[in-house]
């Protein structure tokens, strides 16, 4: 049955089917994994909400959404936000979600940005104890949700958990690995001691709802790097721990329309601000707002030149990776050379890490 409600700029379509009932549910099954649920979880309680913001993702949406649906169990729900899409995304969503139990579709008449879309999905009434993010162009592995949920249930001082991934190109070519974020308590402690910006694979993150809500959800002022800003706020200001599981649970899509290309300059600026704010938190100083930091920041000409050089190197490295996934090796080599010329130390670290990850996974 489909119930339709209208709210200002939103159209909310709720597709409901009755919960499966049983005297006592002690396990969840997802991706072949058995998950023990604590006794304080009531029978038939929805434990996890998966939220997916969508904007003009028609080319990859069906594959991405299908991979999420495949990982759902009877104790999970899905909330998708169509953020003013003008391509075929609305039709794809309507067709696919009609076949999904406990699915909610929120439609924005006009694009409002990824942070507001995520916040709308998380804040929808009845939010369960955990919230997972899925993105509209990536492919999720079937055991991701059960594995991450298992970790958060067993580790109550952790506010978020993510996983590792592999890169996938627009043609479906899979190469390389993404392993970012602390994979142990020791790594997290070392990073916090140095006030390092903490980053995990956002397309594969799961939050403890109380942690992300207490921290204030996503800040739209940081769209493009909203995950970086929120995660560091949770850790440095609110004392939560985070972890990256040493398991591959996602195929991370690299294509010309990806946020990593469209919002590159904003991401680099926000990263520097987050590093400044983390230092203030570690040293007990009061940090200014992002707007004040931008207006008051007066770096030397030497620092500005160094930042420009690093930014150009990082951008070239991303483009080299993009063309590598397309099997366009000449262009990949050209941009790779540019990356080495502008930011050699950072590029060598990245390449060394990829080689080590490949050896670890048997040369895949």
Protein backbone atom coordinates (compact mmCIF):
# COMPACT_ATOMS: atom_id res chain seq x y z
CA UNK A 1 0.00 0.00 0.00
CA UNK A 2 1.29 3.48 -0.86
CA UNK A 3 0.50 6.48 1.32
CA UNK A 4 1.29 9.94 -0.06
CA UNK A 5 1.81 13.02 2.12
CA UNK A 6 2.76 16.58 1.12
CA UNK A 7 5.02 18.78 3.21
CA UNK A 8 6.13 22.18 1.86
CA UNK A 9 8.93 21.39 -0.61
CA UNK A 10 8.89 17.68 0.13
CA UNK A 11 6.86 14.84 -1.29
CA UNK A 12 7.07 11.86 0.97
CA UNK A 13 5.99 8.50 -0.37
CA UNK A 14 5.86 5.79 2.28
CA UNK A 15 5.65 2.17 1.23
CA UNK A 16 4.61 0.02 4.18
CA UNK A 17 4.19 -3.69 4.80
CA UNK A 18 3.55 -5.21 8.25
CA UNK A 19 6.59 -6.18 10.32
CA UNK A 20 7.38 -9.84 10.47
CA UNK A 21 6.26 -11.04 13.90
CA UNK A 22 7.79 -13.66 16.11
CA UNK A 23 7.94 -14.19 19.89
CA UNK A 24 11.63 -13.28 20.20
CA UNK A 25 14.12 -12.23 17.54
CA UNK A 26 17.70 -12.87 18.65
CA UNK A 27 19.53 -12.74 15.35
CA UNK A 28 19.72 -10.80 12.12
CA UNK A 29 20.90 -12.45 8.95
CA UNK A 30 22.57 -10.37 6.23
CA UNK A 31 25.08 -11.41 3.61
CA UNK A 32 25.35 -14.83 5.21
CA UNK A 33 26.33 -13.35 8.60
CA UNK A 34 24.53 -14.17 11.85
CA UNK A 35 24.25 -11.19 14.19
CA UNK A 36 23.37 -11.42 17.88
CA UNK A 37 20.99 -8.71 19.09
CA UNK A 38 21.15 -7.62 22.77
CA UNK A 39 18.21 -8.55 24.96
CA UNK A 40 17.13 -4.91 25.43
CA UNK A 41 16.17 -4.73 21.74
CA UNK A 42 12.43 -5.34 21.61
CA UNK A 43 11.02 -7.96 19.28
CA UNK A 44 10.39 -6.61 15.75
CA UNK A 45 12.26 -3.37 16.55
CA UNK A 46 13.83 -1.79 13.46
CA UNK A 47 17.51 -1.58 14.41
CA UNK A 48 19.05 0.18 11.41
CA UNK A 49 18.06 2.88 8.93
CA UNK A 50 19.97 3.15 5.65
CA UNK A 51 19.90 6.66 4.17
CA UNK A 52 20.73 7.40 0.53
CA UNK A 53 20.79 10.92 -0.95
CA UNK A 54 20.22 10.94 -4.71
CA UNK A 55 20.79 13.68 -7.28
CA UNK A 56 20.89 13.00 -11.03
CA UNK A 57 22.37 9.54 -10.60
CA UNK A 58 20.44 7.76 -13.34
CA UNK A 59 23.49 6.10 -14.88
CA UNK A 60 24.48 4.22 -11.71
CA UNK A 61 21.42 4.42 -9.46
CA UNK A 62 19.81 1.08 -10.21
CA UNK A 63 23.00 -0.86 -9.54
CA UNK A 64 23.70 1.11 -6.35
CA UNK A 65 20.19 0.79 -4.94
CA UNK A 66 19.91 -2.89 -5.84
CA UNK A 67 23.12 -3.61 -3.92
CA UNK A 68 21.70 -1.89 -0.83
CA UNK A 69 18.39 -3.73 -1.01
CA UNK A 70 20.25 -7.05 -1.24
CA UNK A 71 21.81 -6.39 2.19
CA UNK A 72 18.56 -5.55 4.01
CA UNK A 73 17.01 -7.76 6.67
CA UNK A 74 13.61 -7.63 8.37
CA UNK A 75 15.08 -5.37 11.10
CA UNK A 76 16.25 -2.64 8.71
CA UNK A 77 14.57 0.22 6.82
CA UNK A 78 15.59 2.32 3.84
CA UNK A 79 15.11 6.09 3.40
CA UNK A 80 16.01 7.61 0.02
CA UNK A 81 16.06 11.36 -0.65
CA UNK A 82 15.66 12.50 -4.25
CA UNK A 83 17.28 15.93 -4.06
CA UNK A 84 15.59 17.66 -6.98
CA UNK A 85 16.84 15.28 -9.68
CA UNK A 86 16.13 16.35 -13.27
CA UNK A 87 17.24 13.16 -15.03
CA UNK A 88 15.59 9.74 -14.88
CA UNK A 89 16.37 9.18 -11.20
CA UNK A 90 12.80 9.79 -9.89
CA UNK A 91 11.34 7.15 -12.19
CA UNK A 92 14.05 4.63 -11.30
CA UNK A 93 13.47 5.20 -7.58
CA UNK A 94 9.71 4.84 -7.82
CA UNK A 95 9.97 1.60 -9.78
CA UNK A 96 12.59 -0.01 -7.53
CA UNK A 97 11.22 1.07 -4.15
CA UNK A 98 7.75 -0.32 -4.85
CA UNK A 99 9.29 -3.76 -4.39
CA UNK A 100 11.05 -2.94 -1.09
CA UNK A 101 9.57 -3.50 2.36
CA UNK A 102 9.86 -0.55 4.79
CA UNK A 103 11.11 1.98 2.23
CA UNK A 104 10.55 5.74 2.37
CA UNK A 105 11.12 8.12 -0.53
CA UNK A 106 11.52 11.84 0.19
CA UNK A 107 11.46 14.20 -2.78
CA UNK A 108 12.81 17.75 -2.81
CA UNK A 109 11.29 19.96 -5.49
CA UNK A 110 14.58 21.85 -5.76
CA UNK A 111 18.11 20.68 -4.91
CA UNK A 112 19.01 21.46 -1.30
CA UNK A 113 22.42 19.84 -1.09
CA UNK A 114 23.78 16.60 0.30
CA UNK A 115 23.91 17.69 3.95
CA UNK A 116 20.27 18.76 4.10
CA UNK A 117 19.26 15.61 2.26
CA UNK A 118 21.13 13.39 4.71
CA UNK A 119 19.74 15.31 7.69
CA UNK A 120 16.19 14.97 6.34
CA UNK A 121 16.59 11.20 6.06
CA UNK A 122 18.20 10.79 9.47
CA UNK A 123 15.64 13.06 11.18
CA UNK A 124 12.57 11.36 9.77
CA UNK A 125 10.44 10.30 12.80
CA UNK A 126 11.16 6.91 14.30
CA UNK A 127 14.93 6.90 13.76
CA UNK A 128 16.31 3.56 15.03
CA UNK A 129 19.47 3.15 17.09
CA UNK A 130 21.83 3.04 14.11
CA UNK A 131 22.02 4.86 10.78
CA UNK A 132 24.08 3.82 7.75
CA UNK A 133 24.91 5.94 4.69
CA UNK A 134 24.78 4.61 1.13
CA UNK A 135 25.63 6.70 -1.92
CA UNK A 136 23.81 6.79 -5.23
CA UNK A 137 26.67 5.63 -7.45
CA UNK A 138 28.54 3.03 -5.37
CA UNK A 139 28.06 -0.72 -5.02
CA UNK A 140 27.69 -2.18 -1.53
CA UNK A 141 28.76 -5.70 -0.58
CA UNK A 142 26.02 -7.85 0.92
CA UNK A 143 27.63 -8.43 4.34
CA UNK A 144 28.53 -4.77 5.00
CA UNK A 145 25.50 -3.82 7.10
CA UNK A 146 25.55 -6.91 9.31
CA UNK A 147 29.31 -6.65 9.96
CA UNK A 148 29.21 -2.97 10.89
CA UNK A 149 26.10 -3.35 13.01
CA UNK A 150 27.73 -6.21 14.86
CA UNK A 151 30.74 -3.98 15.63
CA UNK A 152 28.70 -1.03 16.95
CA UNK A 153 26.47 -3.23 19.10
CA UNK A 154 29.54 -4.79 20.73
CA UNK A 155 31.50 -1.51 21.13
CA UNK A 156 29.33 1.10 22.83
CA UNK A 157 32.00 3.82 22.97
CA UNK A 158 32.22 3.97 19.16
CA UNK A 159 30.10 6.57 17.41
CA UNK A 160 30.83 5.45 13.85
CA UNK A 161 32.37 2.64 11.87
CA UNK A 162 33.31 2.33 8.22
CA UNK A 163 35.02 -0.25 6.03
CA UNK A 164 37.53 -0.54 3.23
CA UNK A 165 36.68 -0.46 -0.45
CA UNK A 166 37.88 -0.89 -3.99
CA UNK A 167 37.71 1.60 -6.87
CA UNK A 168 35.29 1.02 -9.71
CA UNK A 169 35.22 3.07 -12.91
CA UNK A 170 32.27 4.25 -14.96
CA UNK A 171 32.67 1.16 -17.18
CA UNK A 172 32.69 -1.24 -14.23
CA UNK A 173 36.44 -1.81 -14.19
CA UNK A 174 37.63 -2.59 -10.62
CA UNK A 175 41.13 -1.74 -9.46
CA UNK A 176 43.04 -0.65 -6.36
CA UNK A 177 41.98 -0.35 -2.72
CA UNK A 178 40.72 2.32 -0.33
CA UNK A 179 41.79 1.84 3.25
CA UNK A 180 41.51 5.13 5.13
CA UNK A 181 40.85 5.89 8.76
CA UNK A 182 42.06 4.32 12.02
CA UNK A 183 41.95 0.52 12.07
CA UNK A 184 42.93 0.20 15.74
CA UNK A 185 42.72 2.11 19.02
CA UNK A 186 46.42 2.86 18.75
CA UNK A 187 46.07 4.42 15.30
CA UNK A 188 43.18 6.59 16.50
CA UNK A 189 45.10 7.74 19.58
CA UNK A 190 48.16 8.66 17.50
CA UNK A 191 46.07 10.60 15.00
CA UNK A 192 44.25 12.50 17.76
CA UNK A 193 47.55 13.34 19.49
CA UNK A 194 48.70 15.02 16.27
CA UNK A 195 45.28 16.68 15.74
CA UNK A 196 45.08 15.01 12.34
CA UNK A 197 41.88 15.34 10.31
CA UNK A 198 40.11 12.00 10.60
CA UNK A 199 38.57 10.62 7.44
CA UNK A 200 36.88 7.32 6.66
CA UNK A 201 35.06 6.05 3.59
CA UNK A 202 31.81 8.03 3.95
CA UNK A 203 29.96 5.96 1.36
CA UNK A 204 30.40 3.03 3.74
CA UNK A 205 29.86 4.68 7.15
CA UNK A 206 27.45 3.61 9.88
CA UNK A 207 26.64 5.85 12.85
CA UNK A 208 25.29 5.29 16.31
CA UNK A 209 22.23 7.55 16.11
CA UNK A 210 22.76 9.09 19.55
CA UNK A 211 26.31 10.07 18.55
CA UNK A 212 25.49 11.74 15.25
CA UNK A 213 22.38 13.51 16.62
CA UNK A 214 24.17 14.80 19.73
CA UNK A 215 26.96 16.15 17.51
CA UNK A 216 24.39 18.15 15.52
CA UNK A 217 24.15 16.18 12.25
CA UNK A 218 25.72 17.44 9.00
CA UNK A 219 26.48 21.15 8.56
CA UNK A 220 25.37 22.38 5.09
CA UNK A 221 28.13 24.99 5.17
CA UNK A 222 30.60 22.16 4.54
CA UNK A 223 28.88 20.46 1.60
CA UNK A 224 31.47 18.57 -0.40
CA UNK A 225 33.39 17.60 2.75
CA UNK A 226 30.45 17.39 5.16
CA UNK A 227 31.52 13.93 6.31
CA UNK A 228 35.03 15.08 7.24
CA UNK A 229 33.70 18.02 9.28
CA UNK A 230 31.06 15.97 11.12
CA UNK A 231 33.34 13.04 11.88
CA UNK A 232 36.03 15.26 13.40
CA UNK A 233 33.41 17.15 15.40
CA UNK A 234 32.16 13.85 16.82
CA UNK A 235 35.66 12.72 17.81
CA UNK A 236 37.38 15.92 18.95
CA UNK A 237 34.42 17.81 20.43
CA UNK A 238 32.19 14.99 21.68
CA UNK A 239 34.74 12.27 22.51
CA UNK A 240 33.44 9.43 20.34
CA UNK A 241 35.74 6.79 18.89
CA UNK A 242 35.65 5.70 15.24
CA UNK A 243 37.02 2.68 13.40
CA UNK A 244 37.62 1.42 9.88
CA UNK A 245 37.03 -2.31 9.66
CA UNK A 246 39.80 -4.11 7.79
CA UNK A 247 37.31 -5.62 5.34
CA UNK A 248 36.32 -4.60 1.82
CA UNK A 249 32.61 -3.76 1.83
CA UNK A 250 32.22 -1.30 -1.06
CA UNK A 251 33.01 -0.59 -4.69
CA UNK A 252 33.68 3.15 -4.72
CA UNK A 253 32.72 4.73 -8.03
CA UNK A 254 35.12 7.17 -9.72
CA UNK A 255 33.58 9.13 -12.60
CA UNK A 256 33.78 12.63 -14.03
CA UNK A 257 30.72 13.86 -12.09
CA UNK A 258 31.92 12.62 -8.71
CA UNK A 259 32.05 15.03 -5.76
CA UNK A 260 35.79 14.44 -5.43
CA UNK A 261 36.22 16.34 -8.72
CA UNK A 262 33.35 18.84 -8.53
CA UNK A 263 34.15 20.02 -4.98
CA UNK A 264 37.92 19.60 -4.98
CA UNK A 265 38.87 23.18 -3.96
CA UNK A 266 36.26 23.27 -1.19
CA UNK A 267 37.44 19.91 0.15
CA UNK A 268 41.05 21.07 0.41
CA UNK A 269 40.05 24.30 2.17
CA UNK A 270 37.76 22.52 4.62
CA UNK A 271 40.48 19.97 5.40
CA UNK A 272 42.83 22.78 6.42
CA UNK A 273 40.12 24.37 8.56
CA UNK A 274 39.37 21.04 10.27
CA UNK A 275 43.06 20.58 11.03
CA UNK A 276 43.11 24.06 12.62
CA UNK A 277 39.96 23.32 14.63
CA UNK A 278 41.36 19.99 15.82
CA UNK A 279 44.51 21.72 17.06
CA UNK A 280 42.36 24.13 19.02
CA UNK A 281 40.46 21.24 20.58
CA UNK A 282 43.67 19.42 21.55
CA UNK A 283 45.29 22.53 23.03
CA UNK A 284 42.15 23.80 24.76
CA UNK A 285 41.81 26.92 22.62
CA UNK A 286 38.58 28.29 21.19
CA UNK A 287 38.25 27.91 17.42
CA UNK A 288 36.65 30.49 15.17
CA UNK A 289 33.92 29.67 12.66
CA UNK A 290 34.81 28.58 9.14
CA UNK A 291 33.77 31.97 7.75
CA UNK A 292 35.93 33.81 10.27
CA UNK A 293 38.85 31.47 9.62
CA UNK A 294 38.63 32.16 5.88
CA UNK A 295 38.58 35.93 6.41
CA UNK A 296 41.26 36.02 9.11
CA UNK A 297 43.62 33.45 7.65
CA UNK A 298 46.67 35.35 6.42
CA UNK A 299 49.25 32.85 5.30
CA UNK A 300 52.68 33.76 4.02
CA UNK A 301 53.35 33.76 0.31
CA UNK A 302 55.58 30.74 0.81
CA UNK A 303 52.75 28.79 2.50
CA UNK A 304 50.27 29.75 -0.20
CA UNK A 305 52.68 28.57 -2.89
CA UNK A 306 53.24 25.29 -1.05
CA UNK A 307 49.47 24.72 -0.67
CA UNK A 308 48.90 25.52 -4.34
CA UNK A 309 51.61 23.05 -5.34
CA UNK A 310 50.13 20.32 -3.14
CA UNK A 311 46.60 20.99 -4.40
CA UNK A 312 47.68 20.75 -8.03
CA UNK A 313 49.54 17.52 -7.30
CA UNK A 314 46.54 15.99 -5.51
CA UNK A 315 44.16 17.00 -8.30
CA UNK A 316 46.46 15.49 -10.93
CA UNK A 317 46.71 12.29 -8.89
CA UNK A 318 42.93 11.96 -8.79
CA UNK A 319 42.71 12.49 -12.54
CA UNK A 320 45.43 9.90 -13.08
CA UNK A 321 43.36 7.42 -11.08
CA UNK A 322 40.23 8.28 -13.03
CA UNK A 323 41.87 7.61 -16.40
CA UNK A 324 43.57 4.48 -15.06
CA UNK A 325 40.14 3.05 -14.25
CA UNK A 326 39.06 3.86 -17.81
CA UNK A 327 42.12 1.98 -19.14
CA UNK A 328 43.29 5.24 -20.72
CA UNK A 329 46.90 4.68 -19.75
CA UNK A 330 48.50 7.55 -21.69
CA UNK A 331 46.30 10.16 -19.99
CA UNK A 332 46.75 8.40 -16.66
CA UNK A 333 50.52 8.53 -17.05
CA UNK A 334 50.41 12.20 -18.08
CA UNK A 335 48.46 13.28 -15.00
CA UNK A 336 50.48 10.89 -12.84
CA UNK A 337 53.66 12.63 -13.96
CA UNK A 338 52.09 15.98 -13.12
CA UNK A 339 51.20 14.70 -9.66
CA UNK A 340 54.76 13.56 -9.02
CA UNK A 341 56.20 16.87 -10.17
CA UNK A 342 53.96 18.97 -7.92
CA UNK A 343 53.58 16.75 -4.82
CA UNK A 344 56.18 13.93 -4.98
CA UNK A 345 56.28 12.94 -1.29
CA UNK A 346 52.50 12.52 -1.02
CA UNK A 347 52.23 10.63 -4.32
CA UNK A 348 54.96 8.18 -3.32
CA UNK A 349 53.16 7.47 -0.03
CA UNK A 350 49.92 6.83 -1.93
CA UNK A 351 51.59 4.52 -4.46
CA UNK A 352 53.46 2.61 -1.76
CA UNK A 353 50.21 2.09 0.12
CA UNK A 354 48.48 0.72 -2.99
CA UNK A 355 51.35 -1.71 -3.61
CA UNK A 356 51.21 -2.92 0.00
CA UNK A 357 47.43 -3.39 -0.13
CA UNK A 358 47.71 -5.31 -3.40
CA UNK A 359 50.30 -7.66 -1.92
CA UNK A 360 48.18 -8.11 1.18
CA UNK A 361 45.19 -9.16 -0.91
CA UNK A 362 47.18 -11.56 -3.06
CA UNK A 363 47.85 -9.26 -5.99
CA UNK A 364 44.18 -8.69 -6.84
